[in-house]
Amino acid sequence: MITGKSPQRFTAADQSGERITSGRVIEEQKNYYLIDIGESIARATIRGVLKKEKKRVCTGDIVDIGIINREPLEALILSIHERTTWLPRPPLANLSRVFLICTIREPETDLEAIDRFLFTAAAYSIISVLVFNKTDILNDNDKPELDRLISVYEKAGYRTILTSAKTGLGIDSIAAAAREGVSAVAGISGVGKTSIMKCLFQDRDFRTGELSGATGRGTHTTTNVSLLPLPNGGYMADTPGFAFVDVPEVPEEDVVTYFPELEREIGKCRFNNCIHDGEPGCHVQELIDIGEIAPWRRDHYLKLFHEMRDRRREYRGKEK
């Protein structure tokens, strides 16, 4: 039974008499695709014209298909709808939001990883939700740090959720936030991504490696991308190694627009070309000095700014 909310569908017939409908690709196998068409799942291959056009079909795509057989349900993929978002690795189309799973300890918080995740998601036009997991293991000394991080990121404009896979805290909030479209969980190894997926899909077997004694991190063993329908609508992607490791290239002057609390201050510095790196009259520095903006957020923005500038210069150098 398919419980996820399927894409809008239509039914017609092409000149060959095939019934035409639309659905979402929920899994890509070696020689075929599984398509959710609402009332059932169709096994589909690609029509020859798409192969000639070298159009890549991937999980998350909304496609038009022609039904060629009812028992079992088989189809041909005729066309691909325009994508709203696209991630190249792992290949995933039309991702609406990503839940970035973080922890205060086991493993300890990696603020730079969080900010690079948030930057990458924004660059791909994907909504981010910060999930602070493993709240059940926090002690009294950890809670002030958790409260501080929540304050910083909520003030910046991000939604946060507290979770515990052990107690079930916050799992319903994740499911509610993922009710529309396609969602995914991301984060460094060991933060509990697989444990959260197990809470969301209790009848499904998710396997993960044990935590490493050297790094305190685990390894997800999933080998292909699939979309799992949530009971109240929407899909959750089960993906291998989904960690936004490929930071997309953007013009360095645009990096600031992917840090919401910095973007709000554009035009308020003494100099229009201020990059918030110690220039006189920098309004962002004034806000950092009074505790309105976290200094590490500015530092991570600058690191990405210089990274993008170096990429551009390296590219131009190769052109000469």
C-alpha atoms as a PDB file:
ATOM      1  CA  MET A   1       0.000   0.000   0.000  1.00  0.00           C
ATOM      2  CA  ILE A   2       1.356   3.386  -0.975  1.00  0.00           C
ATOM      3  CA  THR A   3       0.790   5.968   1.724  1.00  0.00           C
ATOM      4  CA  GLY A   4       2.950   8.839   0.471  1.00  0.00           C
ATOM      5  CA  LYS A   5       1.345  11.719  -1.324  1.00  0.00           C
ATOM      6  CA  SER A   6       1.794  11.126  -5.031  1.00  0.00           C
ATOM      7  CA  PRO A   7       2.322  13.872  -7.618  1.00  0.00           C
ATOM      8  CA  GLN A   8      -0.577  15.258  -9.605  1.00  0.00           C
ATOM      9  CA  ARG A   9      -1.518  12.810 -12.329  1.00  0.00           C
ATOM     10  CA  PHE A  10      -3.371  12.838 -15.592  1.00  0.00           C
ATOM     11  CA  THR A  11      -4.735  10.023 -17.747  1.00  0.00           C
ATOM     12  CA  ALA A  12      -4.895  10.023 -21.504  1.00  0.00           C
ATOM     13  CA  ALA A  13      -3.857   7.862 -24.416  1.00  0.00           C
ATOM     14  CA  ASP A  14      -1.158   8.419 -26.983  1.00  0.00           C
ATOM     15  CA  GLN A  15      -1.392   7.454 -30.633  1.00  0.00           C
ATOM     16  CA  SER A  16      -0.230   3.917 -29.876  1.00  0.00           C
ATOM     17  CA  GLY A  17      -3.133   3.397 -27.493  1.00  0.00           C
ATOM     18  CA  GLU A  18      -1.000   3.365 -24.337  1.00  0.00           C
ATOM     19  CA  ARG A  19      -2.588   4.770 -21.220  1.00  0.00           C
ATOM     20  CA  ILE A  20      -0.571   7.852 -20.208  1.00  0.00           C
ATOM     21  CA  THR A  21      -0.208   8.834 -16.573  1.00  0.00           C
ATOM     22  CA  SER A  22       2.363  10.603 -14.408  1.00  0.00           C
ATOM     23  CA  GLY A  23       4.125   9.576 -11.244  1.00  0.00           C
ATOM     24  CA  ARG A  24       7.275   9.986  -9.194  1.00  0.00           C
ATOM     25  CA  VAL A  25      10.394   7.867  -9.524  1.00  0.00           C
ATOM     26  CA  ILE A  26      10.917   6.349  -6.079  1.00  0.00           C
ATOM     27  CA  GLU A  27      13.821   4.030  -6.879  1.00  0.00           C
ATOM     28  CA  GLU A  28      16.373   3.550  -9.614  1.00  0.00           C
ATOM     29  CA  GLN A  29      17.641   0.043 -10.273  1.00  0.00           C
ATOM     30  CA  LYS A  30      20.231  -1.116 -12.792  1.00  0.00           C
ATOM     31  CA  ASN A  31      17.830  -1.724 -15.692  1.00  0.00           C
ATOM     32  CA  TYR A  32      14.522  -0.224 -14.577  1.00  0.00           C
ATOM     33  CA  TYR A  33      12.783   2.350 -12.361  1.00  0.00           C
ATOM     34  CA  LEU A  34       9.970   2.093  -9.805  1.00  0.00           C
ATOM     35  CA  ILE A  35       7.284   4.739 -10.320  1.00  0.00           C
ATOM     36  CA  ASP A  36       4.692   5.695  -7.675  1.00  0.00           C
ATOM     37  CA  ILE A  37       1.475   6.484  -9.558  1.00  0.00           C
ATOM     38  CA  GLY A  38      -0.677   6.744  -6.450  1.00  0.00           C
ATOM     39  CA  GLU A  39      -2.715   3.572  -6.390  1.00  0.00           C
ATOM     40  CA  SER A  40       0.202   1.294  -7.214  1.00  0.00           C
ATOM     41  CA  ILE A  41       3.857   1.030  -8.222  1.00  0.00           C
ATOM     42  CA  ALA A  42       4.842   0.611 -11.865  1.00  0.00           C
ATOM     43  CA  ARG A  43       8.072  -0.933 -13.073  1.00  0.00           C
ATOM     44  CA  ALA A  44       9.303   1.170 -15.974  1.00  0.00           C
ATOM     45  CA  THR A  45      12.057   1.393 -18.533  1.00  0.00           C
ATOM     46  CA  ILE A  46      13.039   4.375 -20.663  1.00  0.00           C
ATOM     47  CA  ARG A  47      11.557   4.910 -24.106  1.00  0.00           C
ATOM     48  CA  GLY A  48      14.139   4.890 -26.887  1.00  0.00           C
ATOM     49  CA  VAL A  49      13.781   8.585 -27.730  1.00  0.00           C
ATOM     50  CA  LEU A  50      14.840   9.560 -24.202  1.00  0.00           C
ATOM     51  CA  LYS A  51      17.895   7.342 -24.498  1.00  0.00           C
ATOM     52  CA  LYS A  52      18.813   9.018 -27.773  1.00  0.00           C
ATOM     53  CA  GLU A  53      18.426  12.436 -26.154  1.00  0.00           C
ATOM     54  CA  LYS A  54      20.624  11.177 -23.283  1.00  0.00           C
ATOM     55  CA  LYS A  55      18.196  12.491 -20.688  1.00  0.00           C
ATOM     56  CA  ARG A  56      19.031  11.151 -17.236  1.00  0.00           C
ATOM     57  CA  VAL A  57      16.108   9.879 -15.161  1.00  0.00           C
ATOM     58  CA  CYS A  58      16.764   9.695 -11.432  1.00  0.00           C
ATOM     59  CA  THR A  59      15.010   9.162  -8.130  1.00  0.00           C
ATOM     60  CA  GLY A  60      12.663  12.041  -7.302  1.00  0.00           C
ATOM     61  CA  ASP A  61      11.837  12.866 -10.911  1.00  0.00           C
ATOM     62  CA  ILE A  62       8.202  13.325 -11.879  1.00  0.00           C
ATOM     63  CA  VAL A  63       7.730  11.537 -15.174  1.00  0.00           C
ATOM     64  CA  ASP A  64       5.033  10.785 -17.724  1.00  0.00           C
ATOM     65  CA  ILE A  65       4.703   7.087 -18.411  1.00  0.00           C
ATOM     66  CA  GLY A  66       2.807   4.894 -20.833  1.00  0.00           C
ATOM     67  CA  ILE A  67       1.284   1.775 -19.280  1.00  0.00           C
ATOM     68  CA  ILE A  68       2.103  -1.233 -21.479  1.00  0.00           C
ATOM     69  CA  ASN A  69       1.027  -4.064 -19.194  1.00  0.00           C
ATOM     70  CA  ARG A  70      -1.399  -4.356 -16.266  1.00  0.00           C
ATOM     71  CA  GLU A  71      -0.371  -7.635 -14.627  1.00  0.00           C
ATOM     72  CA  PRO A  72       2.371  -7.061 -13.643  1.00  0.00           C
ATOM     73  CA  LEU A  73       2.214  -3.279 -13.954  1.00  0.00           C
ATOM     74  CA  GLU A  74       4.838  -2.243 -16.498  1.00  0.00           C
ATOM     75  CA  ALA A  75       5.410   1.035 -18.299  1.00  0.00           C
ATOM     76  CA  LEU A  76       7.655   3.128 -20.498  1.00  0.00           C
ATOM     77  CA  ILE A  77       8.986   6.489 -19.303  1.00  0.00           C
ATOM     78  CA  LEU A  78       8.001   8.994 -21.984  1.00  0.00           C
ATOM     79  CA  SER A  79       9.164  12.350 -20.601  1.00  0.00           C
ATOM     80  CA  ILE A  80      10.601  14.062 -17.520  1.00  0.00           C
ATOM     81  CA  HIS A  81       8.919  17.048 -15.865  1.00  0.00           C
ATOM     82  CA  GLU A  82      10.992  20.134 -15.124  1.00  0.00           C
ATOM     83  CA  ARG A  83      12.924  19.761 -11.875  1.00  0.00           C
ATOM     84  CA  THR A  84      12.690  22.218  -9.003  1.00  0.00           C
ATOM     85  CA  THR A  85      16.038  21.109  -7.530  1.00  0.00           C
ATOM     86  CA  TRP A  86      18.816  18.726  -8.532  1.00  0.00           C
ATOM     87  CA  LEU A  87      21.596  17.115  -6.540  1.00  0.00           C
ATOM     88  CA  PRO A  88      24.342  15.411  -8.563  1.00  0.00           C
ATOM     89  CA  ARG A  89      25.679  13.072  -5.843  1.00  0.00           C
ATOM     90  CA  PRO A  90      23.824  11.007  -4.994  1.00  0.00           C
ATOM     91  CA  PRO A  91      21.516  11.772  -7.967  1.00  0.00           C
ATOM     92  CA  LEU A  92      18.270  13.105  -6.504  1.00  0.00           C
ATOM     93  CA  ALA A  93      15.674  15.382  -8.097  1.00  0.00           C
ATOM     94  CA  ASN A  94      13.044  17.683  -6.580  1.00  0.00           C
ATOM     95  CA  LEU A  95      14.331  17.547  -3.017  1.00  0.00           C
ATOM     96  CA  SER A  96      12.261  20.041  -0.996  1.00  0.00           C
ATOM     97  CA  ARG A  97      14.033  20.072   2.356  1.00  0.00           C
ATOM     98  CA  VAL A  98      16.868  18.508   4.256  1.00  0.00           C
ATOM     99  CA  PHE A  99      16.973  17.726   7.965  1.00  0.00           C
ATOM    100  CA  LEU A 100      20.537  18.374   9.102  1.00  0.00           C
ATOM    101  CA  ILE A 101      21.130  16.051  12.046  1.00  0.00           C
ATOM    102  CA  CYS A 102      23.515  17.438  14.673  1.00  0.00           C
ATOM    103  CA  THR A 103      24.660  16.417  18.138  1.00  0.00           C
ATOM    104  CA  ILE A 104      26.216  18.220  21.074  1.00  0.00           C
ATOM    105  CA  ARG A 105      28.354  15.175  21.821  1.00  0.00           C
ATOM    106  CA  GLU A 106      28.899  11.624  20.581  1.00  0.00           C
ATOM    107  CA  PRO A 107      30.083  13.084  18.248  1.00  0.00           C
ATOM    108  CA  GLU A 108      30.805  16.641  19.360  1.00  0.00           C
ATOM    109  CA  THR A 109      29.245  19.478  17.399  1.00  0.00           C
ATOM    110  CA  ASP A 110      31.064  20.366  14.182  1.00  0.00           C
ATOM    111  CA  LEU A 111      29.955  23.967  13.583  1.00  0.00           C
ATOM    112  CA  GLU A 112      31.852  24.340  10.323  1.00  0.00           C
ATOM    113  CA  ALA A 113      30.215  21.196   8.931  1.00  0.00           C
ATOM    114  CA  ILE A 114      26.796  22.551   9.922  1.00  0.00           C
ATOM    115  CA  ASP A 115      27.403  25.890   8.216  1.00  0.00           C
ATOM    116  CA  ARG A 116      28.762  24.290   5.060  1.00  0.00           C
ATOM    117  CA  PHE A 117      25.681  22.043   4.956  1.00  0.00           C
ATOM    118  CA  LEU A 118      23.389  25.052   5.356  1.00  0.00           C
ATOM    119  CA  PHE A 119      25.257  26.974   2.665  1.00  0.00           C
ATOM    120  CA  THR A 120      25.126  24.067   0.237  1.00  0.00           C
ATOM    121  CA  ALA A 121      21.427  23.430   0.791  1.00  0.00           C
ATOM    122  CA  ALA A 122      20.642  27.108   0.199  1.00  0.00           C
ATOM    123  CA  ALA A 123      22.789  27.157  -2.944  1.00  0.00           C
ATOM    124  CA  TYR A 124      20.730  24.226  -4.258  1.00  0.00           C
ATOM    125  CA  SER A 125      17.476  26.040  -3.257  1.00  0.00           C
ATOM    126  CA  ILE A 126      16.679  23.428  -0.613  1.00  0.00           C
ATOM    127  CA  ILE A 127      15.095  24.312   2.748  1.00  0.00           C
ATOM    128  CA  SER A 128      17.123  23.346   5.822  1.00  0.00           C
ATOM    129  CA  VAL A 129      15.815  22.215   9.202  1.00  0.00           C
ATOM    130  CA  LEU A 130      18.362  21.767  12.006  1.00  0.00           C
ATOM    131  CA  VAL A 131      17.743  18.682  14.142  1.00  0.00           C
ATOM    132  CA  PHE A 132      19.637  18.370  17.425  1.00  0.00           C
ATOM    133  CA  ASN A 133      19.600  14.656  18.176  1.00  0.00           C
ATOM    134  CA  LYS A 134      20.618  12.472  21.142  1.00  0.00           C
ATOM    135  CA  THR A 135      19.071  14.855  23.681  1.00  0.00           C
ATOM    136  CA  ASP A 136      18.633  11.905  26.038  1.00  0.00           C
ATOM    137  CA  ILE A 137      22.407  11.707  26.694  1.00  0.00           C
ATOM    138  CA  LEU A 138      22.902  15.394  27.526  1.00  0.00           C
ATOM    139  CA  ASN A 139      23.926  16.400  31.027  1.00  0.00           C
ATOM    140  CA  ASP A 140      23.468  19.708  32.812  1.00  0.00           C
ATOM    141  CA  ASN A 141      26.715  21.064  31.345  1.00  0.00           C
ATOM    142  CA  ASP A 142      25.604  20.282  27.783  1.00  0.00           C
ATOM    143  CA  LYS A 143      22.223  21.987  27.921  1.00  0.00           C
ATOM    144  CA  PRO A 144      23.482  25.607  28.002  1.00  0.00           C
ATOM    145  CA  GLU A 145      25.529  24.900  24.854  1.00  0.00           C
ATOM    146  CA  LEU A 146      22.470  23.404  23.170  1.00  0.00           C
ATOM    147  CA  ASP A 147      20.365  26.422  24.127  1.00  0.00           C
ATOM    148  CA  ARG A 148      23.075  28.750  22.778  1.00  0.00           C
ATOM    149  CA  LEU A 149      23.213  26.996  19.415  1.00  0.00           C
ATOM    150  CA  ILE A 150      19.427  26.929  19.090  1.00  0.00           C
ATOM    151  CA  SER A 151      19.309  30.670  19.850  1.00  0.00           C
ATOM    152  CA  VAL A 152      21.975  31.467  17.231  1.00  0.00           C
ATOM    153  CA  TYR A 153      20.422  29.459  14.427  1.00  0.00           C
ATOM    154  CA  GLU A 154      16.806  30.390  15.151  1.00  0.00           C
ATOM    155  CA  LYS A 155      17.808  34.056  15.277  1.00  0.00           C
ATOM    156  CA  ALA A 156      19.455  33.573  11.895  1.00  0.00           C
ATOM    157  CA  GLY A 157      16.146  32.219  10.559  1.00  0.00           C
ATOM    158  CA  TYR A 158      16.444  28.425  10.670  1.00  0.00           C
ATOM    159  CA  ARG A 159      13.903  26.086  12.190  1.00  0.00           C
ATOM    160  CA  THR A 160      15.252  23.706  14.847  1.00  0.00           C
ATOM    161  CA  ILE A 161      13.880  20.446  16.243  1.00  0.00           C
ATOM    162  CA  LEU A 162      15.061  18.526  19.317  1.00  0.00           C
ATOM    163  CA  THR A 163      15.030  14.757  18.947  1.00  0.00           C
ATOM    164  CA  SER A 164      15.931  11.528  20.659  1.00  0.00           C
ATOM    165  CA  ALA A 165      15.706   8.300  18.713  1.00  0.00           C
ATOM    166  CA  LYS A 166      15.772   6.481  22.076  1.00  0.00           C
ATOM    167  CA  THR A 167      12.747   8.231  23.614  1.00  0.00           C
ATOM    168  CA  GLY A 168      10.954   9.250  20.406  1.00  0.00           C
ATOM    169  CA  LEU A 169      11.168  12.966  21.193  1.00  0.00           C
ATOM    170  CA  GLY A 170      10.660  15.116  18.108  1.00  0.00           C
ATOM    171  CA  ILE A 171      10.060  12.291  15.616  1.00  0.00           C
ATOM    172  CA  ASP A 172       6.462  13.429  15.036  1.00  0.00           C
ATOM    173  CA  SER A 173       7.753  16.961  14.385  1.00  0.00           C
ATOM    174  CA  ILE A 174      10.064  15.668  11.649  1.00  0.00           C
ATOM    175  CA  ALA A 175       7.230  13.674  10.066  1.00  0.00           C
ATOM    176  CA  ALA A 176       4.941  16.712  10.156  1.00  0.00           C
ATOM    177  CA  ALA A 177       7.584  18.970   8.594  1.00  0.00           C
ATOM    178  CA  ALA A 178       8.166  16.380   5.836  1.00  0.00           C
ATOM    179  CA  ARG A 179       4.480  16.037   4.969  1.00  0.00           C
ATOM    180  CA  GLU A 180       4.847  17.717   1.560  1.00  0.00           C
ATOM    181  CA  GLY A 181       7.309  16.886  -1.208  1.00  0.00           C
ATOM    182  CA  VAL A 182      10.597  15.045  -0.841  1.00  0.00           C
ATOM    183  CA  SER A 183      12.819  15.316   2.239  1.00  0.00           C
ATOM    184  CA  ALA A 184      16.109  13.783   3.323  1.00  0.00           C
ATOM    185  CA  VAL A 185      18.291  13.558   6.399  1.00  0.00           C
ATOM    186  CA  ALA A 186      21.952  14.565   6.297  1.00  0.00           C
ATOM    187  CA  GLY A 187      24.851  15.056   8.667  1.00  0.00           C
ATOM    188  CA  ILE A 188      28.229  13.668   9.605  1.00  0.00           C
ATOM    189  CA  SER A 189      28.493   9.991  10.493  1.00  0.00           C
ATOM    190  CA  GLY A 190      27.452   8.999  13.997  1.00  0.00           C
ATOM    191  CA  VAL A 191      24.841  11.704  14.631  1.00  0.00           C
ATOM    192  CA  GLY A 192      21.966   9.226  14.404  1.00  0.00           C
ATOM    193  CA  LYS A 193      20.570   9.574  10.891  1.00  0.00           C
ATOM    194  CA  THR A 194      19.769   5.872  10.604  1.00  0.00           C
ATOM    195  CA  SER A 195      18.239   5.771  14.097  1.00  0.00           C
ATOM    196  CA  ILE A 196      15.878   8.594  13.156  1.00  0.00           C
ATOM    197  CA  MET A 197      14.934   6.801   9.931  1.00  0.00           C
ATOM    198  CA  LYS A 198      14.178   3.679  11.987  1.00  0.00           C
ATOM    199  CA  CYS A 199      11.819   5.734  14.160  1.00  0.00           C
ATOM    200  CA  LEU A 200      10.061   7.131  11.087  1.00  0.00           C
ATOM    201  CA  PHE A 201       9.785   3.729   9.386  1.00  0.00           C
ATOM    202  CA  GLN A 202       9.552   1.135  12.128  1.00  0.00           C
ATOM    203  CA  ASP A 203       8.716  -1.747   9.780  1.00  0.00           C
ATOM    204  CA  ARG A 204      11.790  -1.219   7.594  1.00  0.00           C
ATOM    205  CA  ASP A 205      15.257  -2.575   8.195  1.00  0.00           C
ATOM    206  CA  PHE A 206      17.980   0.061   8.083  1.00  0.00           C
ATOM    207  CA  ARG A 207      21.496  -1.241   8.564  1.00  0.00           C
ATOM    208  CA  THR A 208      24.416   0.849   9.741  1.00  0.00           C
ATOM    209  CA  GLY A 209      27.961   0.114  10.790  1.00  0.00           C
ATOM    210  CA  GLU A 210      29.016   0.267  14.400  1.00  0.00           C
ATOM    211  CA  LEU A 211      30.598   3.466  15.701  1.00  0.00           C
ATOM    212  CA  SER A 212      34.311   3.571  15.113  1.00  0.00           C
ATOM    213  CA  GLY A 213      36.394   3.550  18.261  1.00  0.00           C
ATOM    214  CA  ALA A 214      38.855   5.939  16.634  1.00  0.00           C
ATOM    215  CA  THR A 215      36.422   8.486  15.206  1.00  0.00           C
ATOM    216  CA  GLY A 216      33.187   7.904  17.112  1.00  0.00           C
ATOM    217  CA  ARG A 217      31.378   7.800  13.770  1.00  0.00           C
ATOM    218  CA  GLY A 218      29.376   5.162  11.954  1.00  0.00           C
ATOM    219  CA  THR A 219      28.906   4.155   8.333  1.00  0.00           C
ATOM    220  CA  HIS A 220      25.596   3.873   6.492  1.00  0.00           C
ATOM    221  CA  THR A 221      25.446   0.752   4.330  1.00  0.00           C
ATOM    222  CA  THR A 222      22.647   1.746   1.907  1.00  0.00           C
ATOM    223  CA  THR A 223      23.837   1.435  -1.695  1.00  0.00           C
ATOM    224  CA  ASN A 224      21.068   3.048  -3.770  1.00  0.00           C
ATOM    225  CA  VAL A 225      18.698   5.998  -3.494  1.00  0.00           C
ATOM    226  CA  SER A 226      15.028   5.313  -2.785  1.00  0.00           C
ATOM    227  CA  LEU A 227      12.045   7.367  -1.625  1.00  0.00           C
ATOM    228  CA  LEU A 228       9.989   6.031   1.272  1.00  0.00           C
ATOM    229  CA  PRO A 229       6.369   7.255   1.552  1.00  0.00           C
ATOM    230  CA  LEU A 230       5.440   8.735   4.915  1.00  0.00           C
ATOM    231  CA  PRO A 231       2.050   7.764   6.419  1.00  0.00           C
ATOM    232  CA  ASN A 232       0.621  11.301   6.331  1.00  0.00           C
ATOM    233  CA  GLY A 233       2.092  12.340   3.006  1.00  0.00           C
ATOM    234  CA  GLY A 234       5.449  13.199   1.525  1.00  0.00           C
ATOM    235  CA  TYR A 235       8.529  11.080   0.986  1.00  0.00           C
ATOM    236  CA  MET A 236      11.761  10.614   2.884  1.00  0.00           C
ATOM    237  CA  ALA A 237      14.835   9.760   0.856  1.00  0.00           C
ATOM    238  CA  ASP A 238      16.930   6.826   1.986  1.00  0.00           C
ATOM    239  CA  THR A 239      20.312   7.765   0.557  1.00  0.00           C
ATOM    240  CA  PRO A 240      23.885   6.536   0.931  1.00  0.00           C
ATOM    241  CA  GLY A 241      26.434   9.045   2.195  1.00  0.00           C
ATOM    242  CA  PHE A 242      24.117  12.021   1.855  1.00  0.00           C
ATOM    243  CA  ALA A 243      26.290  14.696   3.431  1.00  0.00           C
ATOM    244  CA  PHE A 244      26.469  17.576   0.929  1.00  0.00           C
ATOM    245  CA  VAL A 245      30.168  16.919   0.417  1.00  0.00           C
ATOM    246  CA  ASP A 246      30.115  18.675  -2.964  1.00  0.00           C
ATOM    247  CA  VAL A 247      29.866  22.391  -2.178  1.00  0.00           C
ATOM    248  CA  PRO A 248      28.537  24.094  -5.340  1.00  0.00           C
ATOM    249  CA  GLU A 249      30.472  26.949  -6.880  1.00  0.00           C
ATOM    250  CA  VAL A 250      28.862  30.383  -6.623  1.00  0.00           C
ATOM    251  CA  PRO A 251      30.275  33.893  -7.219  1.00  0.00           C
ATOM    252  CA  GLU A 252      32.146  34.937  -4.077  1.00  0.00           C
ATOM    253  CA  GLU A 253      30.105  38.129  -3.789  1.00  0.00           C
ATOM    254  CA  ASP A 254      26.940  35.985  -3.531  1.00  0.00           C
ATOM    255  CA  VAL A 255      28.149  33.836  -0.604  1.00  0.00           C
ATOM    256  CA  VAL A 256      26.813  36.368   1.902  1.00  0.00           C
ATOM    257  CA  THR A 257      23.277  35.870   0.562  1.00  0.00           C
ATOM    258  CA  TYR A 258      23.333  32.270   1.813  1.00  0.00           C
ATOM    259  CA  PHE A 259      23.900  33.379   5.417  1.00  0.00           C
ATOM    260  CA  PRO A 260      20.482  34.872   6.333  1.00  0.00           C
ATOM    261  CA  GLU A 261      21.650  36.998   9.277  1.00  0.00           C
ATOM    262  CA  LEU A 262      24.442  38.495   7.141  1.00  0.00           C
ATOM    263  CA  GLU A 263      22.228  39.007   4.110  1.00  0.00           C
ATOM    264  CA  ARG A 264      19.883  41.136   6.231  1.00  0.00           C
ATOM    265  CA  GLU A 265      22.744  43.563   6.915  1.00  0.00           C
ATOM    266  CA  ILE A 266      23.729  44.165   3.282  1.00  0.00           C
ATOM    267  CA  GLY A 267      24.086  47.883   2.622  1.00  0.00           C
ATOM    268  CA  LYS A 268      24.480  48.862   6.284  1.00  0.00           C
ATOM    269  CA  CYS A 269      28.297  48.968   6.390  1.00  0.00           C
ATOM    270  CA  ARG A 270      30.303  52.165   5.781  1.00  0.00           C
ATOM    271  CA  PHE A 271      31.625  50.832   2.474  1.00  0.00           C
ATOM    272  CA  ASN A 272      29.440  49.175  -0.149  1.00  0.00           C
ATOM    273  CA  ASN A 273      32.130  46.618  -0.968  1.00  0.00           C
ATOM    274  CA  CYS A 274      32.623  45.545   2.652  1.00  0.00           C
ATOM    275  CA  ILE A 275      33.084  41.795   2.936  1.00  0.00           C
ATOM    276  CA  HIS A 276      32.978  41.896   6.767  1.00  0.00           C
ATOM    277  CA  ASP A 277      36.637  41.033   7.199  1.00  0.00           C
ATOM    278  CA  GLY A 278      37.902  43.788   9.495  1.00  0.00           C
ATOM    279  CA  GLU A 279      37.038  46.790   7.318  1.00  0.00           C
ATOM    280  CA  PRO A 280      36.378  50.060   9.196  1.00  0.00           C
ATOM    281  CA  GLY A 281      32.713  50.793   9.766  1.00  0.00           C
ATOM    282  CA  CYS A 282      31.649  47.167   9.304  1.00  0.00           C
ATOM    283  CA  HIS A 283      28.101  46.870  10.644  1.00  0.00           C
ATOM    284  CA  VAL A 284      28.362  43.071  10.875  1.00  0.00           C
ATOM    285  CA  GLN A 285      31.369  43.411  13.186  1.00  0.00           C
ATOM    286  CA  GLU A 286      29.380  45.775  15.384  1.00  0.00           C
ATOM    287  CA  LEU A 287      26.616  43.159  15.659  1.00  0.00           C
ATOM    288  CA  ILE A 288      29.179  40.481  16.500  1.00  0.00           C
ATOM    289  CA  ASP A 289      30.633  42.705  19.228  1.00  0.00           C
ATOM    290  CA  ILE A 290      27.248  43.014  20.949  1.00  0.00           C
ATOM    291  CA  GLY A 291      26.393  39.324  20.537  1.00  0.00           C
ATOM    292  CA  GLU A 292      23.717  39.680  17.844  1.00  0.00           C
ATOM    293  CA  ILE A 293      25.620  37.549  15.315  1.00  0.00           C
ATOM    294  CA  ALA A 294      27.740  34.523  16.216  1.00  0.00           C
ATOM    295  CA  PRO A 295      31.395  35.145  15.319  1.00  0.00           C
ATOM    296  CA  TRP A 296      31.843  31.625  13.931  1.00  0.00           C
ATOM    297  CA  ARG A 297      29.062  32.243  11.418  1.00  0.00           C
ATOM    298  CA  ARG A 298      30.998  35.222  10.015  1.00  0.00           C
ATOM    299  CA  ASP A 299      34.225  33.190  10.069  1.00  0.00           C
ATOM    300  CA  HIS A 300      32.656  30.320   8.121  1.00  0.00           C
ATOM    301  CA  TYR A 301      31.138  32.770   5.649  1.00  0.00           C
ATOM    302  CA  LEU A 302      34.589  34.292   5.064  1.00  0.00           C
ATOM    303  CA  LYS A 303      36.134  30.858   4.589  1.00  0.00           C
ATOM    304  CA  LEU A 304      33.568  30.061   1.912  1.00  0.00           C
ATOM    305  CA  PHE A 305      33.997  33.520   0.372  1.00  0.00           C
ATOM    306  CA  HIS A 306      37.740  32.966  -0.038  1.00  0.00           C
ATOM    307  CA  GLU A 307      37.179  29.401  -1.249  1.00  0.00           C
ATOM    308  CA  MET A 308      34.854  30.613  -4.004  1.00  0.00           C
ATOM    309  CA  ARG A 309      37.253  33.411  -4.941  1.00  0.00           C
ATOM    310  CA  ASP A 310      40.154  30.958  -5.146  1.00  0.00           C
ATOM    311  CA  ARG A 311      38.105  28.629  -7.332  1.00  0.00           C
ATOM    312  CA  ARG A 312      37.288  31.467  -9.718  1.00  0.00           C
ATOM    313  CA  ARG A 313      40.915  32.594  -9.943  1.00  0.00           C
ATOM    314  CA  GLU A 314      42.106  29.041 -10.483  1.00  0.00           C
ATOM    315  CA  TYR A 315      39.559  28.579 -13.278  1.00  0.00           C
ATOM    316  CA  ARG A 316      40.602  31.813 -14.985  1.00  0.00           C
ATOM    317  CA  GLY A 317      44.238  30.844 -14.621  1.00  0.00           C
ATOM    318  CA  LYS A 318      43.596  27.590 -16.465  1.00  0.00           C
ATOM    319  CA  GLU A 319      41.850  29.480 -19.276  1.00  0.00           C
ATOM    320  CA  LYS A 320      44.970  31.542 -20.043  1.00  0.00           C
END
